[in-house]
Amino acid sequence: MIVGDPHGWPHPVRWLGRAANVLEAWARGSGRGLRWRGVLCAWTLALGAGAAVLLIVSMPLFGGLVALYLAYAGLALGALLSEGRKVLVLVESGDLSQAREAVGMLVSRDTAGMNEDEVRRALAETLSENLCDGLVAPFFYLVLLGPAGLWAYKAISTLDSMWGYRTEKWRELGWAAARTDDVLAYVPARLTAVALVLGGWAMSGRLAPLAKVCGDARRMESPNAGWPMAAAAWAVQATMGGRTLYFGAPKDKPVLGPEGQPWTQAKLRVLLRLISVSGVGCALALWLGGWLLF
């Protein structure tokens, strides 16, 4: 969970991505009804992933070991922190071009023309949001439904990251993946916000203003993304949101956190520590809750 997978390892998310590409080719080559074909694709991938994992972990000899690996592989806190530190080092070294390229691997926005402040803000936003997508939500479904539930969720999350855009190309095909991800991440997103607020309090002794966190979170277009972002912004006292370039077009996003407070290198280091502390704390709380309930 914290260490991350070795580079080049045959990670199951890559297999999900390849399966999504096959499903896309089928959906786009089959005429009309793209939205409903997207529904079929989303549920085929999710149920197929869950069923495959359930079958594999039921094997009498190696099922337990495979279950442990699949649980480990589905939790991306280590990879998230590693990628965040990589961008931070590139910005510190003055290699803005490489920093743009590195952060571009983590976000869907246009990064080619970003200045240092914009690179740092983009990094802060994606780190905060992906604490939910990469750790808290998968762990939530692992506790509830085991490795099969974790990978059914990861299938939807992966498909949403590939298809869930409001552009002409993806609006219809990605509709089901995006809406299903909204439903599945609803509770985990709010748990992530709580974890970040408590993590910030544990680190600094200062509790983020809960009313402002909740108010900012509800202003976002996404029903879930604003919760971890607003919590992190107020915990670290830096601004998220504002004008952002997506697919060549500027978009004015709601401002989260205290206005006019840029993301400095020092604040990004605090954010990385906050994500580590909050992620581990939330995972322990979910594990304890599952142990007590089940």
Protein backbone atom coordinates (compact mmCIF):
# COMPACT_ATOMS: atom_id res chain seq x y z
CA MET A 1 0.00 0.00 0.00
CA ILE A 2 2.75 2.46 0.95
CA VAL A 3 5.70 1.02 -0.97
CA GLY A 4 4.01 0.69 -4.37
CA ASP A 5 4.62 -1.73 -7.22
CA PRO A 6 7.93 -2.13 -9.06
CA HIS A 7 8.07 -0.37 -12.44
CA GLY A 8 7.34 -2.76 -15.27
CA TRP A 9 5.35 -5.12 -13.03
CA PRO A 10 2.28 -6.58 -14.86
CA HIS A 11 -0.22 -4.56 -12.85
CA PRO A 12 -3.92 -5.55 -13.05
CA VAL A 13 -4.94 -1.95 -13.83
CA ARG A 14 -3.06 -2.25 -17.12
CA TRP A 15 -5.13 -5.31 -17.95
CA LEU A 16 -8.28 -3.33 -17.18
CA GLY A 17 -7.07 -0.59 -19.52
CA ARG A 18 -6.51 -3.07 -22.33
CA ALA A 19 -9.95 -4.58 -21.77
CA ALA A 20 -11.46 -1.08 -21.86
CA ASN A 21 -9.83 -0.45 -25.24
CA VAL A 22 -11.35 -3.67 -26.60
CA LEU A 23 -14.78 -2.67 -25.28
CA GLU A 24 -14.45 0.80 -26.79
CA ALA A 25 -13.66 -0.64 -30.22
CA TRP A 26 -16.74 -2.86 -29.98
CA ALA A 27 -18.99 -0.02 -28.79
CA ARG A 28 -17.92 2.45 -31.46
CA GLY A 29 -18.14 -0.11 -34.23
CA SER A 30 -21.69 -1.15 -33.44
CA GLY A 31 -23.80 1.75 -34.69
CA ARG A 32 -26.17 3.86 -32.60
CA GLY A 33 -27.06 3.74 -28.93
CA LEU A 34 -23.59 4.70 -27.71
CA ARG A 35 -24.81 5.62 -24.22
CA TRP A 36 -26.41 2.25 -23.65
CA ARG A 37 -23.41 0.47 -25.09
CA GLY A 38 -21.38 2.44 -22.55
CA VAL A 39 -23.64 1.10 -19.80
CA LEU A 40 -23.05 -2.43 -21.03
CA CYS A 41 -19.29 -1.83 -21.25
CA ALA A 42 -19.08 -0.43 -17.72
CA TRP A 43 -20.97 -3.25 -16.10
CA THR A 44 -19.30 -5.92 -18.21
CA LEU A 45 -15.88 -4.69 -17.09
CA ALA A 46 -16.88 -4.32 -13.42
CA LEU A 47 -18.71 -7.61 -13.10
CA GLY A 48 -16.12 -9.40 -15.20
CA ALA A 49 -13.27 -8.11 -13.04
CA GLY A 50 -15.09 -8.99 -9.83
CA ALA A 51 -16.02 -12.47 -11.06
CA ALA A 52 -12.48 -13.18 -12.31
CA VAL A 53 -10.96 -12.17 -8.98
CA LEU A 54 -13.53 -14.20 -7.04
CA LEU A 55 -12.71 -17.25 -9.15
CA ILE A 56 -8.94 -16.82 -8.80
CA VAL A 57 -8.93 -16.28 -5.03
CA SER A 58 -11.11 -19.37 -4.61
CA MET A 59 -8.33 -21.63 -5.90
CA PRO A 60 -7.46 -24.18 -3.19
CA LEU A 61 -3.66 -23.91 -3.34
CA PHE A 62 -2.69 -20.33 -4.11
CA GLY A 63 -5.96 -18.44 -3.66
CA GLY A 64 -4.95 -16.88 -0.36
CA LEU A 65 -1.64 -15.59 -1.68
CA VAL A 66 -3.28 -14.23 -4.83
CA ALA A 67 -5.92 -12.50 -2.70
CA LEU A 68 -3.19 -10.80 -0.67
CA TYR A 69 -1.42 -9.62 -3.83
CA LEU A 70 -4.63 -8.34 -5.43
CA ALA A 71 -5.52 -6.44 -2.25
CA TYR A 72 -2.02 -4.92 -2.17
CA ALA A 73 -2.02 -4.09 -5.89
CA GLY A 74 -5.35 -2.29 -5.67
CA LEU A 75 -4.12 0.26 -3.11
CA ALA A 76 -2.06 3.01 -4.72
CA LEU A 77 -0.88 5.25 -1.88
CA GLY A 78 2.79 4.44 -2.47
CA ALA A 79 2.59 5.15 -6.19
CA LEU A 80 0.68 8.38 -5.56
CA LEU A 81 3.29 9.69 -3.12
CA SER A 82 6.14 8.60 -5.40
CA GLU A 83 4.73 10.47 -8.40
CA GLY A 84 4.08 13.53 -6.26
CA ARG A 85 7.66 13.61 -5.00
CA LYS A 86 8.94 13.19 -8.56
CA VAL A 87 7.14 16.33 -9.74
CA LEU A 88 8.22 18.21 -6.62
CA VAL A 89 11.89 17.40 -7.28
CA LEU A 90 11.61 18.45 -10.93
CA VAL A 91 10.13 21.83 -9.97
CA GLU A 92 12.79 22.33 -7.29
CA SER A 93 15.54 21.61 -9.82
CA GLY A 94 14.13 24.22 -12.22
CA ASP A 95 13.25 21.65 -14.90
CA LEU A 96 9.82 23.09 -15.65
CA SER A 97 9.46 21.26 -18.97
CA GLN A 98 9.93 17.86 -17.36
CA ALA A 99 7.70 18.88 -14.44
CA ARG A 100 4.91 19.77 -16.87
CA GLU A 101 5.33 16.44 -18.61
CA ALA A 102 5.32 14.53 -15.32
CA VAL A 103 2.23 16.26 -13.94
CA GLY A 104 0.58 15.80 -17.33
CA MET A 105 0.73 12.05 -16.71
CA LEU A 106 -1.43 12.56 -13.62
CA VAL A 107 -4.07 15.04 -14.82
CA SER A 108 -6.41 15.45 -17.80
CA ARG A 109 -5.83 19.20 -18.16
CA ASP A 110 -3.46 20.87 -20.63
CA THR A 111 -0.03 21.27 -19.03
CA ALA A 112 2.19 22.51 -21.89
CA GLY A 113 1.86 26.20 -21.03
CA MET A 114 1.80 25.95 -17.24
CA ASN A 115 4.01 28.12 -15.07
CA GLU A 116 5.48 26.84 -11.79
CA ASP A 117 2.51 27.96 -9.69
CA GLU A 118 0.09 26.19 -12.02
CA VAL A 119 2.15 22.99 -11.99
CA ARG A 120 2.19 23.00 -8.20
CA ARG A 121 -1.56 23.67 -8.00
CA ALA A 122 -2.31 20.89 -10.50
CA LEU A 123 -0.17 18.51 -8.47
CA ALA A 124 -1.88 19.47 -5.21
CA GLU A 125 -5.32 18.96 -6.72
CA THR A 126 -4.60 15.56 -8.24
CA LEU A 127 -2.81 14.29 -5.12
CA SER A 128 -5.78 15.25 -2.95
CA GLU A 129 -8.43 13.82 -5.26
CA ASN A 130 -6.51 10.62 -5.92
CA LEU A 131 -6.14 9.86 -2.24
CA CYS A 132 -9.80 8.87 -2.51
CA ASP A 133 -9.61 7.15 -5.90
CA GLY A 134 -6.32 5.37 -5.26
CA LEU A 135 -6.60 4.35 -1.61
CA VAL A 136 -9.70 5.17 0.42
CA ALA A 137 -12.37 4.00 -2.04
CA PRO A 138 -10.58 0.74 -2.96
CA PHE A 139 -9.91 0.00 0.71
CA PHE A 140 -13.56 0.74 1.53
CA TYR A 141 -14.73 -1.87 -0.98
CA LEU A 142 -12.01 -4.29 0.08
CA VAL A 143 -13.36 -4.17 3.63
CA LEU A 144 -16.98 -4.49 2.49
CA LEU A 145 -16.67 -7.04 -0.31
CA GLY A 146 -13.14 -8.43 -0.34
CA PRO A 147 -10.72 -8.39 -3.29
CA ALA A 148 -13.54 -8.99 -5.78
CA GLY A 149 -15.33 -5.84 -4.60
CA LEU A 150 -12.09 -3.86 -4.69
CA TRP A 151 -11.42 -4.82 -8.31
CA ALA A 152 -15.00 -4.30 -9.42
CA TYR A 153 -14.62 -0.75 -8.09
CA LYS A 154 -11.20 -0.36 -9.72
CA ALA A 155 -12.72 -1.39 -13.06
CA ILE A 156 -15.27 1.42 -12.86
CA SER A 157 -12.67 3.91 -11.60
CA THR A 158 -10.28 3.00 -14.42
CA LEU A 159 -13.02 3.30 -17.03
CA ASP A 160 -14.06 6.67 -15.60
CA SER A 161 -10.46 7.93 -15.81
CA MET A 162 -10.33 6.87 -19.48
CA TRP A 163 -13.86 7.72 -20.67
CA GLY A 164 -15.46 10.02 -18.09
CA TYR A 165 -15.05 13.35 -19.89
CA ARG A 166 -17.74 15.83 -20.95
CA THR A 167 -16.31 16.18 -24.45
CA GLU A 168 -18.02 15.33 -27.71
CA LYS A 169 -15.98 12.14 -28.05
CA TRP A 170 -16.74 10.76 -24.60
CA ARG A 171 -20.02 12.32 -23.44
CA GLU A 172 -22.22 9.39 -24.47
CA LEU A 173 -19.84 6.43 -24.19
CA GLY A 174 -18.43 7.54 -20.84
CA TRP A 175 -21.74 8.53 -19.25
CA ALA A 176 -22.33 5.23 -17.42
CA ALA A 177 -18.75 4.94 -16.15
CA ALA A 178 -18.82 8.51 -14.82
CA ARG A 179 -22.23 8.18 -13.14
CA THR A 180 -21.41 4.78 -11.63
CA ASP A 181 -18.13 6.13 -10.29
CA ASP A 182 -20.02 9.07 -8.75
CA VAL A 183 -22.25 6.64 -6.85
CA LEU A 184 -19.47 4.28 -5.76
CA ALA A 185 -17.15 7.09 -4.60
CA TYR A 186 -19.84 9.06 -2.73
CA VAL A 187 -19.11 7.70 0.75
CA PRO A 188 -15.33 7.24 0.28
CA ALA A 189 -14.90 10.86 -0.88
CA ARG A 190 -16.44 12.15 2.32
CA LEU A 191 -14.43 9.72 4.43
CA THR A 192 -11.31 11.03 2.68
CA ALA A 193 -12.24 14.60 3.59
CA VAL A 194 -12.70 13.61 7.23
CA ALA A 195 -9.34 11.82 7.20
CA LEU A 196 -7.58 14.88 5.74
CA VAL A 197 -9.17 17.23 8.27
CA LEU A 198 -8.18 14.95 11.16
CA GLY A 199 -4.74 14.37 9.67
CA GLY A 200 -4.19 18.11 9.43
CA TRP A 201 -5.27 18.53 13.03
CA ALA A 202 -2.91 15.75 14.16
CA MET A 203 0.01 17.34 12.31
CA SER A 204 -0.51 21.00 13.18
CA GLY A 205 -2.92 21.14 16.10
CA ARG A 206 -5.20 23.29 13.93
CA LEU A 207 -8.59 21.97 12.78
CA ALA A 208 -9.63 23.03 9.29
CA PRO A 209 -12.90 25.05 9.33
CA LEU A 210 -15.50 22.35 8.69
CA ALA A 211 -18.21 24.72 7.46
CA LYS A 212 -15.86 26.14 4.83
CA VAL A 213 -14.67 22.68 3.78
CA CYS A 214 -18.25 21.51 3.28
CA GLY A 215 -19.31 24.74 1.56
CA ASP A 216 -16.40 24.65 -0.88
CA ALA A 217 -16.84 20.94 -1.62
CA ARG A 218 -20.48 21.39 -2.64
CA ARG A 219 -19.59 24.10 -5.16
CA MET A 220 -17.70 21.71 -7.40
CA GLU A 221 -19.34 20.27 -10.51
CA SER A 222 -18.34 16.76 -9.44
CA PRO A 223 -20.32 15.44 -6.45
CA ASN A 224 -17.17 13.88 -4.98
CA ALA A 225 -13.93 15.51 -6.17
CA GLY A 226 -14.45 18.68 -4.13
CA TRP A 227 -14.46 16.92 -0.77
CA PRO A 228 -10.82 15.78 -0.54
CA MET A 229 -9.65 18.86 -2.45
CA ALA A 230 -11.42 21.33 -0.15
CA ALA A 231 -10.28 19.47 2.96
CA ALA A 232 -6.66 19.48 1.81
CA ALA A 233 -6.80 23.12 0.70
CA TRP A 234 -8.05 24.30 4.08
CA ALA A 235 -5.77 21.95 6.04
CA VAL A 236 -2.65 23.22 4.25
CA GLN A 237 -3.97 26.80 3.82
CA ALA A 238 -3.49 27.04 0.05
CA THR A 239 -5.80 27.72 -2.89
CA MET A 240 -7.18 25.14 -5.30
CA GLY A 241 -9.44 25.66 -8.31
CA GLY A 242 -9.69 28.75 -10.47
CA ARG A 243 -9.08 29.01 -14.21
CA THR A 244 -7.85 25.75 -15.73
CA LEU A 245 -7.26 24.69 -19.34
CA TYR A 246 -8.97 21.47 -20.48
CA PHE A 247 -8.65 20.17 -24.05
CA GLY A 248 -7.66 23.62 -25.30
CA ALA A 249 -10.55 25.50 -23.63
CA PRO A 250 -10.33 27.51 -20.38
CA LYS A 251 -12.69 26.55 -17.57
CA ASP A 252 -13.33 28.60 -14.43
CA LYS A 253 -13.57 26.16 -11.54
CA PRO A 254 -14.74 27.19 -8.06
CA VAL A 255 -11.98 28.42 -5.78
CA LEU A 256 -11.39 26.08 -2.85
CA GLY A 257 -9.56 26.99 0.32
CA PRO A 258 -8.32 30.44 1.35
CA GLU A 259 -8.12 32.68 -1.73
CA GLY A 260 -4.81 34.04 -2.94
CA GLN A 261 -2.62 31.48 -1.18
CA PRO A 262 -0.32 29.81 -3.77
CA TRP A 263 1.10 26.32 -3.48
CA THR A 264 4.75 26.72 -2.51
CA GLN A 265 7.27 23.87 -2.42
CA ALA A 266 7.02 23.86 1.38
CA LYS A 267 3.23 23.54 1.28
CA LEU A 268 3.47 20.67 -1.20
CA ARG A 269 5.80 18.86 1.19
CA VAL A 270 3.24 19.38 3.95
CA LEU A 271 0.54 18.03 1.63
CA LEU A 272 2.56 14.89 0.88
CA ARG A 273 2.98 14.25 4.60
CA LEU A 274 -0.71 14.97 5.16
CA ILE A 275 -1.74 12.48 2.48
CA SER A 276 0.54 9.84 3.95
CA VAL A 277 -0.73 10.35 7.50
CA SER A 278 -4.39 10.65 6.47
CA GLY A 279 -4.24 7.70 4.09
CA VAL A 280 -2.71 5.32 6.61
CA GLY A 281 -5.02 6.57 9.35
CA CYS A 282 -8.13 6.14 7.21
CA ALA A 283 -7.07 2.66 6.11
CA LEU A 284 -6.53 1.62 9.74
CA ALA A 285 -9.92 3.05 10.73
CA LEU A 286 -11.67 1.20 7.89
CA TRP A 287 -9.88 -2.04 8.78
CA LEU A 288 -10.84 -1.68 12.44
CA GLY A 289 -14.42 -0.85 11.50
CA GLY A 290 -14.63 -3.89 9.26
CA TRP A 291 -13.12 -6.11 11.96
CA LEU A 292 -15.66 -4.90 14.52
CA LEU A 293 -18.64 -5.19 12.16
CA PHE A 294 -17.84 -8.41 10.35
